[in-house]
């Protein structure tokens, strides 16, 4: 049996993160495709997708926005993106309850999230009981690493005190699950709450 549960935050313990960006699209009329193209142009200009540097804490939220705003048509501003994002982000109560139950059953628990330094008070406010459920919280913006870099998984394992083979990892992005599997974890790609809970339970028994 495996005894450690490692979970992503956005899109697993919350509603899909794409809904926040859709809210920005609805208000600004800047499509997700345009945002994606602006991100790609900013990446070409600076040698890397600016989101990656933002999530490693190497760019401030304002610096990130300025890079994108230079690439957006019509001089659109990203000022409202954070507010709209968190207005749409809703806790996934059944998944949170499940994570709590695993902690109560005696499993080690860790949260591993790619996030933004300035957003920490906002995402924590969506899950006030986070430190009751998770023994360890590893936030990319504060450790200078982001998924799928294997080093952030290794850091999480070190902090929670577990071997990879003892862990079940759940994330809504397959690329992040791939690294977990390469390290020896069981990994569940989150698409549906009920299916994910069943898959985690099954993986814990292996």
N, C-alpha and C. Protein backbone atom coordinates (compact mmCIF):
# COMPACT_ATOMS: atom_id res chain seq x y z
N UNK A 1 0.83 -1.21 0.00
CA UNK A 1 0.00 0.00 0.00
C UNK A 1 0.86 1.25 0.00
N UNK A 2 0.38 2.26 -0.68
CA UNK A 2 1.06 3.55 -0.68
C UNK A 2 0.49 4.41 0.45
N UNK A 3 1.33 5.27 1.01
CA UNK A 3 0.89 6.02 2.17
C UNK A 3 1.01 7.53 2.06
N UNK A 4 1.24 8.05 0.85
CA UNK A 4 1.40 9.50 0.69
C UNK A 4 0.57 10.00 -0.48
N UNK A 5 -0.15 11.07 -0.27
CA UNK A 5 -1.00 11.69 -1.29
C UNK A 5 -0.47 13.09 -1.58
N UNK A 6 -0.19 13.36 -2.87
CA UNK A 6 0.30 14.67 -3.30
C UNK A 6 -0.68 15.22 -4.33
N UNK A 7 -1.19 16.41 -4.08
CA UNK A 7 -2.22 16.98 -4.94
C UNK A 7 -1.81 18.33 -5.50
N UNK A 8 -2.24 18.57 -6.71
CA UNK A 8 -2.21 19.90 -7.32
C UNK A 8 -3.32 20.74 -6.65
N UNK A 9 -3.30 22.05 -6.87
CA UNK A 9 -4.36 22.91 -6.35
C UNK A 9 -5.37 23.27 -7.44
N UNK A 10 -5.02 24.23 -8.31
CA UNK A 10 -5.97 24.71 -9.31
C UNK A 10 -6.36 23.64 -10.30
N UNK A 11 -7.68 23.44 -10.47
CA UNK A 11 -8.16 22.45 -11.40
C UNK A 11 -8.35 21.08 -10.80
N UNK A 12 -7.90 20.89 -9.56
CA UNK A 12 -8.11 19.64 -8.83
C UNK A 12 -8.94 19.93 -7.57
N UNK A 13 -8.42 20.78 -6.72
CA UNK A 13 -9.14 21.18 -5.51
C UNK A 13 -10.07 22.37 -5.78
N UNK A 14 -10.07 22.84 -7.02
CA UNK A 14 -10.95 23.94 -7.43
C UNK A 14 -11.61 23.59 -8.76
N UNK A 15 -12.49 24.46 -9.19
CA UNK A 15 -13.03 24.38 -10.55
C UNK A 15 -11.89 24.56 -11.56
N UNK A 16 -12.12 24.22 -12.83
CA UNK A 16 -11.05 24.37 -13.84
C UNK A 16 -10.51 25.80 -13.90
N UNK A 17 -9.20 25.93 -13.96
CA UNK A 17 -8.61 27.27 -13.97
C UNK A 17 -8.92 28.02 -15.26
N UNK A 18 -9.28 27.29 -16.31
CA UNK A 18 -9.62 27.95 -17.58
C UNK A 18 -10.82 28.87 -17.44
N UNK A 19 -11.68 28.62 -16.44
CA UNK A 19 -12.87 29.44 -16.27
C UNK A 19 -12.52 30.88 -15.90
N UNK A 20 -11.42 31.06 -15.17
CA UNK A 20 -10.98 32.41 -14.82
C UNK A 20 -10.53 33.18 -16.04
N UNK A 21 -9.84 32.49 -16.95
CA UNK A 21 -9.39 33.15 -18.17
C UNK A 21 -10.56 33.42 -19.11
N UNK A 22 -11.55 32.56 -19.06
CA UNK A 22 -12.76 32.80 -19.85
C UNK A 22 -13.48 34.04 -19.35
N UNK A 23 -13.45 34.27 -18.05
CA UNK A 23 -14.08 35.48 -17.49
C UNK A 23 -13.38 36.72 -18.02
N UNK A 24 -12.06 36.67 -18.12
CA UNK A 24 -11.31 37.80 -18.67
C UNK A 24 -11.67 38.00 -20.14
N UNK A 25 -11.79 36.89 -20.86
CA UNK A 25 -12.16 36.97 -22.28
C UNK A 25 -13.51 37.65 -22.45
N UNK A 26 -14.47 37.28 -21.59
CA UNK A 26 -15.82 37.84 -21.70
C UNK A 26 -15.83 39.35 -21.43
N UNK A 27 -15.02 39.79 -20.48
CA UNK A 27 -15.01 41.21 -20.14
C UNK A 27 -14.21 42.05 -21.13
N UNK A 28 -13.07 41.54 -21.57
CA UNK A 28 -12.16 42.33 -22.39
C UNK A 28 -12.34 42.13 -23.89
N UNK A 29 -13.02 41.02 -24.25
CA UNK A 29 -13.13 40.62 -25.66
C UNK A 29 -11.78 40.24 -26.27
N UNK A 30 -10.80 39.98 -25.40
CA UNK A 30 -9.54 39.41 -25.86
C UNK A 30 -9.67 37.90 -25.73
N UNK A 31 -9.61 37.18 -26.84
CA UNK A 31 -9.84 35.74 -26.82
C UNK A 31 -8.66 35.01 -26.17
N UNK A 32 -8.95 33.79 -25.72
CA UNK A 32 -7.88 32.96 -25.18
C UNK A 32 -6.81 32.69 -26.23
N UNK A 33 -7.24 32.62 -27.50
CA UNK A 33 -6.28 32.42 -28.59
C UNK A 33 -5.35 33.63 -28.71
N UNK A 34 -5.92 34.84 -28.58
CA UNK A 34 -5.09 36.04 -28.64
C UNK A 34 -4.12 36.10 -27.45
N UNK A 35 -4.61 35.72 -26.28
CA UNK A 35 -3.73 35.67 -25.11
C UNK A 35 -2.58 34.68 -25.34
N UNK A 36 -2.92 33.53 -25.93
CA UNK A 36 -1.91 32.53 -26.22
C UNK A 36 -0.87 33.02 -27.20
N UNK A 37 -1.33 33.73 -28.24
CA UNK A 37 -0.39 34.27 -29.22
C UNK A 37 0.49 35.35 -28.60
N UNK A 38 -0.11 36.19 -27.74
CA UNK A 38 0.68 37.22 -27.06
C UNK A 38 1.73 36.58 -26.17
N UNK A 39 1.36 35.49 -25.49
CA UNK A 39 2.30 34.77 -24.63
C UNK A 39 3.45 34.21 -25.47
N UNK A 40 3.12 33.67 -26.63
CA UNK A 40 4.16 33.10 -27.50
C UNK A 40 5.11 34.19 -28.00
N UNK A 41 4.56 35.35 -28.39
CA UNK A 41 5.42 36.44 -28.86
C UNK A 41 6.31 36.96 -27.74
N UNK A 42 5.75 37.06 -26.53
CA UNK A 42 6.55 37.49 -25.39
C UNK A 42 7.65 36.47 -25.09
N UNK A 43 7.33 35.20 -25.28
CA UNK A 43 8.32 34.16 -25.08
C UNK A 43 9.46 34.26 -26.09
N UNK A 44 9.12 34.55 -27.34
CA UNK A 44 10.14 34.72 -28.37
C UNK A 44 11.04 35.91 -28.06
N UNK A 45 10.45 36.96 -27.52
CA UNK A 45 11.22 38.17 -27.22
C UNK A 45 12.18 37.97 -26.06
N UNK A 46 11.80 37.11 -25.11
CA UNK A 46 12.60 36.96 -23.89
C UNK A 46 13.23 35.58 -23.74
N UNK A 47 13.02 34.71 -24.71
CA UNK A 47 13.67 33.40 -24.68
C UNK A 47 12.94 32.33 -23.91
N UNK A 48 11.80 32.67 -23.30
CA UNK A 48 11.04 31.70 -22.53
C UNK A 48 9.64 32.25 -22.32
N UNK A 49 8.66 31.34 -22.27
CA UNK A 49 7.30 31.74 -21.94
C UNK A 49 7.32 32.50 -20.61
N UNK A 50 6.78 33.74 -20.58
CA UNK A 50 6.85 34.52 -19.33
C UNK A 50 6.08 33.89 -18.17
N UNK A 51 5.11 33.03 -18.48
CA UNK A 51 4.38 32.35 -17.41
C UNK A 51 5.31 31.50 -16.56
N UNK A 52 6.31 30.89 -17.22
CA UNK A 52 7.22 30.02 -16.48
C UNK A 52 8.02 30.83 -15.45
N UNK A 53 8.53 31.98 -15.88
CA UNK A 53 9.29 32.83 -14.96
C UNK A 53 8.39 33.38 -13.86
N UNK A 54 7.16 33.71 -14.20
CA UNK A 54 6.20 34.19 -13.20
C UNK A 54 5.97 33.12 -12.14
N UNK A 55 5.76 31.88 -12.57
CA UNK A 55 5.47 30.80 -11.63
C UNK A 55 6.70 30.35 -10.85
N UNK A 56 7.88 30.72 -11.30
CA UNK A 56 9.10 30.46 -10.51
C UNK A 56 9.43 31.64 -9.59
N UNK A 57 8.61 32.68 -9.63
CA UNK A 57 8.86 33.84 -8.79
C UNK A 57 9.94 34.75 -9.31
N UNK A 58 10.31 34.59 -10.58
CA UNK A 58 11.38 35.40 -11.16
C UNK A 58 10.85 36.69 -11.78
N UNK A 59 9.56 36.73 -12.07
CA UNK A 59 8.89 37.94 -12.53
C UNK A 59 7.81 38.29 -11.53
N UNK A 60 7.61 39.58 -11.30
CA UNK A 60 6.45 39.99 -10.51
C UNK A 60 5.21 39.89 -11.40
N UNK A 61 4.06 39.91 -10.76
CA UNK A 61 2.82 39.89 -11.52
C UNK A 61 2.75 41.07 -12.48
N UNK A 62 3.20 42.24 -12.04
CA UNK A 62 3.16 43.43 -12.88
C UNK A 62 4.12 43.31 -14.06
N UNK A 63 5.31 42.77 -13.84
CA UNK A 63 6.27 42.59 -14.92
C UNK A 63 5.74 41.61 -15.96
N UNK A 64 5.11 40.55 -15.49
CA UNK A 64 4.49 39.59 -16.39
C UNK A 64 3.41 40.27 -17.24
N UNK A 65 2.54 41.04 -16.59
CA UNK A 65 1.46 41.72 -17.31
C UNK A 65 2.01 42.68 -18.35
N UNK A 66 3.05 43.40 -18.00
CA UNK A 66 3.63 44.35 -18.95
C UNK A 66 4.17 43.66 -20.20
N UNK A 67 4.79 42.50 -20.01
CA UNK A 67 5.30 41.77 -21.18
C UNK A 67 4.16 41.35 -22.11
N UNK A 68 3.05 40.90 -21.51
CA UNK A 68 1.91 40.48 -22.33
C UNK A 68 1.19 41.66 -22.95
N UNK A 69 1.04 42.71 -22.18
CA UNK A 69 0.31 43.88 -22.67
C UNK A 69 0.98 44.48 -23.90
N UNK A 70 2.31 44.39 -23.96
CA UNK A 70 3.02 44.90 -25.14
C UNK A 70 2.68 44.10 -26.39
N UNK A 71 2.24 42.87 -26.20
CA UNK A 71 1.95 41.99 -27.33
C UNK A 71 0.46 41.89 -27.67
N UNK A 72 -0.39 42.47 -26.81
CA UNK A 72 -1.83 42.38 -27.05
C UNK A 72 -2.29 43.48 -27.99
N UNK A 73 -3.24 43.18 -28.89
CA UNK A 73 -3.73 44.20 -29.80
C UNK A 73 -4.57 45.24 -29.06
N UNK A 74 -4.46 46.48 -29.51
CA UNK A 74 -5.34 47.52 -28.98
C UNK A 74 -4.99 48.02 -27.60
N UNK A 75 -3.80 47.66 -27.10
CA UNK A 75 -3.39 48.17 -25.80
C UNK A 75 -4.22 47.68 -24.63
N UNK A 76 -4.70 46.45 -24.69
CA UNK A 76 -5.51 45.92 -23.59
C UNK A 76 -4.69 45.75 -22.33
N UNK A 77 -5.34 45.87 -21.19
CA UNK A 77 -4.69 45.75 -19.90
C UNK A 77 -5.08 44.44 -19.23
N UNK A 78 -4.13 43.88 -18.46
CA UNK A 78 -4.39 42.67 -17.70
C UNK A 78 -4.70 42.98 -16.23
N UNK A 79 -4.98 44.25 -15.95
CA UNK A 79 -5.19 44.68 -14.56
C UNK A 79 -6.26 43.86 -13.86
N UNK A 80 -7.32 43.51 -14.56
CA UNK A 80 -8.45 42.83 -13.94
C UNK A 80 -8.33 41.31 -13.95
N UNK A 81 -7.28 40.77 -14.54
CA UNK A 81 -7.20 39.33 -14.70
C UNK A 81 -7.26 38.59 -13.37
N UNK A 82 -6.47 39.04 -12.40
CA UNK A 82 -6.45 38.35 -11.10
C UNK A 82 -7.83 38.37 -10.45
N UNK A 83 -8.47 39.52 -10.44
CA UNK A 83 -9.78 39.64 -9.80
C UNK A 83 -10.81 38.73 -10.45
N UNK A 84 -10.82 38.74 -11.79
CA UNK A 84 -11.79 37.91 -12.51
C UNK A 84 -11.48 36.42 -12.32
N UNK A 85 -10.21 36.09 -12.31
CA UNK A 85 -9.79 34.70 -12.13
C UNK A 85 -10.32 34.15 -10.81
N UNK A 86 -10.12 34.89 -9.74
CA UNK A 86 -10.51 34.38 -8.43
C UNK A 86 -12.02 34.49 -8.19
N UNK A 87 -12.69 35.38 -8.90
CA UNK A 87 -14.15 35.41 -8.81
C UNK A 87 -14.75 34.11 -9.34
N UNK A 88 -14.13 33.54 -10.37
CA UNK A 88 -14.65 32.33 -10.99
C UNK A 88 -14.14 31.04 -10.35
N UNK A 89 -13.06 31.13 -9.59
CA UNK A 89 -12.45 29.93 -9.02
C UNK A 89 -13.27 29.47 -7.81
N UNK A 90 -13.79 28.26 -7.87
CA UNK A 90 -14.68 27.73 -6.84
C UNK A 90 -14.06 26.47 -6.24
N UNK A 91 -14.03 26.34 -4.92
CA UNK A 91 -13.49 25.12 -4.31
C UNK A 91 -14.25 23.88 -4.76
N UNK A 92 -13.51 22.80 -4.99
CA UNK A 92 -14.09 21.51 -5.33
C UNK A 92 -14.32 20.75 -4.03
N UNK A 93 -15.48 20.98 -3.42
CA UNK A 93 -15.74 20.47 -2.06
C UNK A 93 -15.56 18.96 -1.93
N UNK A 94 -16.05 18.13 -2.87
CA UNK A 94 -15.87 16.69 -2.70
C UNK A 94 -14.39 16.27 -2.71
N UNK A 95 -13.60 16.92 -3.54
CA UNK A 95 -12.18 16.56 -3.60
C UNK A 95 -11.46 17.03 -2.34
N UNK A 96 -11.84 18.18 -1.82
CA UNK A 96 -11.25 18.68 -0.58
C UNK A 96 -11.61 17.75 0.59
N UNK A 97 -12.86 17.33 0.64
CA UNK A 97 -13.29 16.39 1.69
C UNK A 97 -12.52 15.09 1.60
N UNK A 98 -12.30 14.62 0.38
CA UNK A 98 -11.54 13.39 0.18
C UNK A 98 -10.11 13.55 0.67
N UNK A 99 -9.47 14.67 0.32
CA UNK A 99 -8.09 14.90 0.76
C UNK A 99 -8.03 14.93 2.29
N UNK A 100 -9.01 15.58 2.92
CA UNK A 100 -9.05 15.62 4.38
C UNK A 100 -9.18 14.20 4.95
N UNK A 101 -10.02 13.37 4.30
CA UNK A 101 -10.22 12.02 4.80
C UNK A 101 -8.94 11.20 4.74
N UNK A 102 -8.12 11.45 3.73
CA UNK A 102 -6.86 10.73 3.63
C UNK A 102 -5.93 11.11 4.77
N UNK A 103 -5.89 12.39 5.10
CA UNK A 103 -5.07 12.84 6.23
C UNK A 103 -5.57 12.20 7.52
N UNK A 104 -6.91 12.15 7.68
CA UNK A 104 -7.49 11.57 8.89
C UNK A 104 -7.23 10.07 8.98
N UNK A 105 -7.04 9.43 7.81
CA UNK A 105 -6.74 7.99 7.79
C UNK A 105 -5.26 7.72 8.07
N UNK A 106 -4.48 8.78 8.23
CA UNK A 106 -3.08 8.62 8.59
C UNK A 106 -2.10 8.71 7.44
N UNK A 107 -2.57 9.06 6.23
CA UNK A 107 -1.65 9.22 5.12
C UNK A 107 -0.88 10.53 5.26
N UNK A 108 0.35 10.54 4.73
CA UNK A 108 1.08 11.80 4.59
C UNK A 108 0.44 12.55 3.42
N UNK A 109 0.39 13.87 3.53
CA UNK A 109 -0.27 14.67 2.48
C UNK A 109 0.57 15.89 2.14
N UNK A 110 0.61 16.21 0.85
CA UNK A 110 1.35 17.39 0.39
C UNK A 110 0.59 18.05 -0.75
N UNK A 111 0.69 19.36 -0.81
CA UNK A 111 0.15 20.13 -1.92
C UNK A 111 1.31 20.64 -2.74
N UNK A 112 1.25 20.42 -4.05
CA UNK A 112 2.30 20.86 -4.97
C UNK A 112 1.66 21.69 -6.07
N UNK A 113 1.88 23.00 -6.05
CA UNK A 113 1.18 23.89 -6.96
C UNK A 113 2.14 24.80 -7.73
N UNK A 114 1.89 24.96 -9.02
CA UNK A 114 2.49 26.05 -9.79
C UNK A 114 1.60 27.27 -9.57
N UNK A 115 2.19 28.34 -9.03
CA UNK A 115 1.35 29.47 -8.69
C UNK A 115 2.12 30.77 -8.81
N UNK A 116 1.49 31.85 -8.40
CA UNK A 116 2.02 33.20 -8.53
C UNK A 116 2.20 33.78 -7.14
N UNK A 117 3.36 34.37 -6.88
CA UNK A 117 3.67 34.85 -5.54
C UNK A 117 2.59 35.79 -5.01
N UNK A 118 2.17 36.75 -5.82
CA UNK A 118 1.18 37.73 -5.37
C UNK A 118 -0.21 37.13 -5.20
N UNK A 119 -0.42 35.93 -5.72
CA UNK A 119 -1.73 35.30 -5.64
C UNK A 119 -1.90 34.44 -4.39
N UNK A 120 -0.83 34.25 -3.62
CA UNK A 120 -0.91 33.31 -2.50
C UNK A 120 -2.05 33.63 -1.52
N UNK A 121 -2.23 34.89 -1.08
CA UNK A 121 -3.34 35.14 -0.15
C UNK A 121 -4.71 34.81 -0.74
N UNK A 122 -4.83 34.96 -2.06
CA UNK A 122 -6.12 34.75 -2.72
C UNK A 122 -6.44 33.25 -2.85
N UNK A 123 -5.44 32.46 -3.28
CA UNK A 123 -5.76 31.03 -3.43
C UNK A 123 -5.86 30.35 -2.07
N UNK A 124 -5.11 30.80 -1.09
CA UNK A 124 -5.26 30.23 0.24
C UNK A 124 -6.63 30.57 0.83
N UNK A 125 -7.16 31.74 0.48
CA UNK A 125 -8.48 32.12 0.99
C UNK A 125 -9.58 31.21 0.44
N UNK A 126 -9.34 30.60 -0.71
CA UNK A 126 -10.30 29.65 -1.27
C UNK A 126 -10.31 28.34 -0.49
N UNK A 127 -9.24 28.07 0.23
CA UNK A 127 -9.12 26.83 0.99
C UNK A 127 -8.48 27.13 2.35
N UNK A 128 -9.24 27.78 3.25
CA UNK A 128 -8.67 28.21 4.53
C UNK A 128 -8.10 27.07 5.37
N UNK A 129 -8.62 25.87 5.16
CA UNK A 129 -8.17 24.73 5.97
C UNK A 129 -6.98 24.01 5.35
N UNK A 130 -6.30 24.65 4.43
CA UNK A 130 -5.23 23.99 3.68
C UNK A 130 -4.16 23.39 4.59
N UNK A 131 -3.79 24.11 5.66
CA UNK A 131 -2.72 23.61 6.52
C UNK A 131 -3.20 22.52 7.47
N UNK A 132 -4.51 22.35 7.59
CA UNK A 132 -5.05 21.23 8.35
C UNK A 132 -5.02 19.95 7.50
N UNK A 133 -5.22 20.12 6.20
CA UNK A 133 -5.31 18.97 5.30
C UNK A 133 -3.94 18.52 4.81
N UNK A 134 -3.07 19.49 4.53
CA UNK A 134 -1.77 19.17 3.94
C UNK A 134 -0.64 19.51 4.91
N UNK A 135 0.19 18.51 5.18
CA UNK A 135 1.35 18.72 6.05
C UNK A 135 2.37 19.64 5.41
N UNK A 136 2.46 19.56 4.10
CA UNK A 136 3.47 20.29 3.34
C UNK A 136 2.80 21.01 2.19
N UNK A 137 3.17 22.27 1.98
CA UNK A 137 2.71 23.03 0.81
C UNK A 137 3.95 23.51 0.08
N UNK A 138 4.08 23.09 -1.17
CA UNK A 138 5.19 23.52 -2.02
C UNK A 138 4.62 24.37 -3.14
N UNK A 139 4.93 25.65 -3.11
CA UNK A 139 4.43 26.65 -4.06
C UNK A 139 5.60 27.05 -4.96
N UNK A 140 5.44 26.83 -6.25
CA UNK A 140 6.52 27.08 -7.21
C UNK A 140 7.12 28.48 -7.08
N UNK A 141 6.28 29.47 -6.83
CA UNK A 141 6.73 30.86 -6.81
C UNK A 141 7.66 31.16 -5.64
N UNK A 142 7.64 30.29 -4.63
CA UNK A 142 8.48 30.51 -3.45
C UNK A 142 9.68 29.59 -3.39
N UNK A 143 9.74 28.61 -4.28
CA UNK A 143 10.90 27.69 -4.28
C UNK A 143 11.72 27.80 -5.55
N UNK A 144 11.28 28.63 -6.52
CA UNK A 144 12.06 28.87 -7.73
C UNK A 144 12.08 27.71 -8.70
N UNK A 145 11.13 26.81 -8.58
CA UNK A 145 11.00 25.66 -9.48
C UNK A 145 9.53 25.49 -9.79
N UNK A 146 9.22 24.88 -10.93
CA UNK A 146 7.82 24.65 -11.29
C UNK A 146 7.67 23.29 -11.95
N UNK A 147 6.49 22.70 -11.79
CA UNK A 147 6.19 21.48 -12.53
C UNK A 147 6.22 21.80 -14.02
N UNK A 148 6.70 20.91 -14.87
CA UNK A 148 7.09 19.51 -14.61
C UNK A 148 8.57 19.27 -14.32
N UNK A 149 9.31 20.27 -13.86
CA UNK A 149 10.70 20.08 -13.49
C UNK A 149 10.77 19.05 -12.35
N UNK A 150 11.52 17.99 -12.56
CA UNK A 150 11.55 16.91 -11.57
C UNK A 150 12.07 17.37 -10.22
N UNK A 151 12.84 18.46 -10.21
CA UNK A 151 13.41 18.92 -8.94
C UNK A 151 12.35 19.39 -7.96
N UNK A 152 11.23 19.91 -8.44
CA UNK A 152 10.20 20.36 -7.51
C UNK A 152 9.46 19.16 -6.90
N UNK A 153 9.38 18.08 -7.65
CA UNK A 153 8.80 16.84 -7.10
C UNK A 153 9.75 16.27 -6.04
N UNK A 154 11.04 16.28 -6.35
CA UNK A 154 12.02 15.76 -5.40
C UNK A 154 12.04 16.59 -4.12
N UNK A 155 11.88 17.91 -4.26
CA UNK A 155 11.80 18.78 -3.09
C UNK A 155 10.57 18.45 -2.25
N UNK A 156 9.45 18.20 -2.92
CA UNK A 156 8.21 17.84 -2.22
C UNK A 156 8.39 16.53 -1.46
N UNK A 157 9.00 15.55 -2.10
CA UNK A 157 9.25 14.27 -1.45
C UNK A 157 10.14 14.45 -0.22
N UNK A 158 11.16 15.28 -0.35
CA UNK A 158 12.06 15.53 0.78
C UNK A 158 11.31 16.17 1.94
N UNK A 159 10.46 17.14 1.62
CA UNK A 159 9.75 17.87 2.69
C UNK A 159 8.67 17.03 3.36
N UNK A 160 8.02 16.15 2.60
CA UNK A 160 6.98 15.33 3.20
C UNK A 160 7.55 14.05 3.81
N UNK A 161 8.81 13.77 3.48
CA UNK A 161 9.46 12.61 4.07
C UNK A 161 9.00 11.29 3.49
N UNK A 162 8.90 11.23 2.16
CA UNK A 162 8.40 10.01 1.51
C UNK A 162 9.25 9.65 0.31
N UNK A 163 9.22 8.37 -0.04
CA UNK A 163 9.83 7.89 -1.28
C UNK A 163 8.80 7.99 -2.40
N UNK A 164 9.27 8.18 -3.62
CA UNK A 164 8.36 8.31 -4.75
C UNK A 164 7.43 7.11 -4.87
N UNK A 165 7.95 5.92 -4.64
CA UNK A 165 7.14 4.71 -4.79
C UNK A 165 6.00 4.63 -3.79
N UNK A 166 6.04 5.46 -2.74
CA UNK A 166 5.01 5.45 -1.71
C UNK A 166 3.90 6.46 -2.02
N UNK A 167 4.01 7.19 -3.16
CA UNK A 167 3.14 8.34 -3.40
C UNK A 167 2.13 8.12 -4.52
N UNK A 168 0.97 8.74 -4.32
CA UNK A 168 -0.02 8.92 -5.38
C UNK A 168 -0.14 10.41 -5.63
N UNK A 169 0.04 10.80 -6.87
CA UNK A 169 0.04 12.21 -7.28
C UNK A 169 -1.15 12.45 -8.19
N UNK A 170 -1.86 13.58 -8.00
CA UNK A 170 -2.98 13.92 -8.87
C UNK A 170 -2.82 15.34 -9.37
N UNK A 171 -3.04 15.51 -10.68
CA UNK A 171 -2.88 16.81 -11.33
C UNK A 171 -3.79 16.85 -12.55
N UNK A 172 -4.22 18.05 -12.92
CA UNK A 172 -5.11 18.15 -14.09
C UNK A 172 -4.36 18.24 -15.40
N UNK A 173 -3.02 18.31 -15.37
CA UNK A 173 -2.22 18.36 -16.59
C UNK A 173 -1.41 17.08 -16.75
N UNK A 174 -1.54 16.45 -17.90
CA UNK A 174 -0.85 15.19 -18.13
C UNK A 174 0.66 15.36 -18.09
N UNK A 175 1.17 16.48 -18.59
CA UNK A 175 2.62 16.69 -18.60
C UNK A 175 3.18 16.64 -17.18
N UNK A 176 2.42 17.09 -16.21
CA UNK A 176 2.88 17.04 -14.82
C UNK A 176 2.81 15.63 -14.26
N UNK A 177 1.84 14.86 -14.73
CA UNK A 177 1.73 13.46 -14.32
C UNK A 177 2.87 12.62 -14.89
N UNK A 178 3.34 12.97 -16.08
CA UNK A 178 4.41 12.21 -16.72
C UNK A 178 5.66 12.22 -15.84
N UNK A 179 6.05 13.40 -15.37
CA UNK A 179 7.25 13.48 -14.52
C UNK A 179 7.07 12.68 -13.25
N UNK A 180 5.88 12.75 -12.65
CA UNK A 180 5.62 11.98 -11.43
C UNK A 180 5.82 10.50 -11.68
N UNK A 181 5.31 10.02 -12.80
CA UNK A 181 5.47 8.59 -13.12
C UNK A 181 6.93 8.24 -13.36
N UNK A 182 7.66 9.13 -14.03
CA UNK A 182 9.08 8.88 -14.29
C UNK A 182 9.87 8.75 -12.98
N UNK A 183 9.42 9.43 -11.95
CA UNK A 183 10.09 9.36 -10.66
C UNK A 183 9.66 8.14 -9.84
N UNK A 184 8.61 7.46 -10.31
CA UNK A 184 8.15 6.25 -9.62
C UNK A 184 6.86 6.39 -8.84
N UNK A 185 6.22 7.55 -8.95
CA UNK A 185 4.93 7.73 -8.29
C UNK A 185 3.81 7.12 -9.13
N UNK A 186 2.70 6.79 -8.49
CA UNK A 186 1.47 6.54 -9.22
C UNK A 186 0.86 7.91 -9.49
N UNK A 187 0.41 8.16 -10.72
CA UNK A 187 -0.11 9.48 -11.06
C UNK A 187 -1.49 9.36 -11.67
N UNK A 188 -2.39 10.23 -11.22
CA UNK A 188 -3.77 10.25 -11.69
C UNK A 188 -4.00 11.59 -12.40
N UNK A 189 -4.37 11.53 -13.65
CA UNK A 189 -4.75 12.75 -14.38
C UNK A 189 -6.19 13.11 -14.00
N UNK A 190 -6.38 14.28 -13.40
CA UNK A 190 -7.71 14.69 -12.96
C UNK A 190 -8.52 15.21 -14.13
N UNK A 191 -9.69 14.60 -14.34
CA UNK A 191 -10.65 15.09 -15.33
C UNK A 191 -12.05 15.18 -14.73
N UNK A 192 -12.36 14.29 -13.80
CA UNK A 192 -13.66 14.21 -13.16
C UNK A 192 -13.44 13.84 -11.70
N UNK A 193 -14.17 14.48 -10.80
CA UNK A 193 -13.93 14.27 -9.37
C UNK A 193 -14.14 12.83 -8.95
N UNK A 194 -15.29 12.25 -9.31
CA UNK A 194 -15.57 10.89 -8.90
C UNK A 194 -14.56 9.90 -9.44
N UNK A 195 -14.21 10.06 -10.71
CA UNK A 195 -13.23 9.16 -11.32
C UNK A 195 -11.86 9.33 -10.68
N UNK A 196 -11.50 10.56 -10.36
CA UNK A 196 -10.19 10.81 -9.75
C UNK A 196 -10.12 10.19 -8.36
N UNK A 197 -11.16 10.34 -7.57
CA UNK A 197 -11.17 9.75 -6.22
C UNK A 197 -11.04 8.23 -6.31
N UNK A 198 -11.78 7.63 -7.22
CA UNK A 198 -11.71 6.18 -7.39
C UNK A 198 -10.32 5.75 -7.82
N UNK A 199 -9.72 6.50 -8.73
CA UNK A 199 -8.38 6.16 -9.23
C UNK A 199 -7.33 6.32 -8.14
N UNK A 200 -7.46 7.36 -7.32
CA UNK A 200 -6.51 7.55 -6.22
C UNK A 200 -6.64 6.41 -5.22
N UNK A 201 -7.87 6.06 -4.87
CA UNK A 201 -8.08 4.96 -3.91
C UNK A 201 -7.47 3.67 -4.45
N UNK A 202 -7.69 3.39 -5.73
CA UNK A 202 -7.12 2.17 -6.32
C UNK A 202 -5.60 2.20 -6.29
N UNK A 203 -5.00 3.36 -6.62
CA UNK A 203 -3.56 3.49 -6.64
C UNK A 203 -2.96 3.34 -5.24
N UNK A 204 -3.67 3.81 -4.24
CA UNK A 204 -3.17 3.69 -2.87
C UNK A 204 -3.07 2.22 -2.45
N UNK A 205 -3.88 1.37 -3.04
CA UNK A 205 -3.89 -0.05 -2.68
C UNK A 205 -2.78 -0.84 -3.35
N UNK A 206 -2.11 -0.24 -4.34
CA UNK A 206 -1.09 -1.01 -5.09
C UNK A 206 0.24 -0.99 -4.37
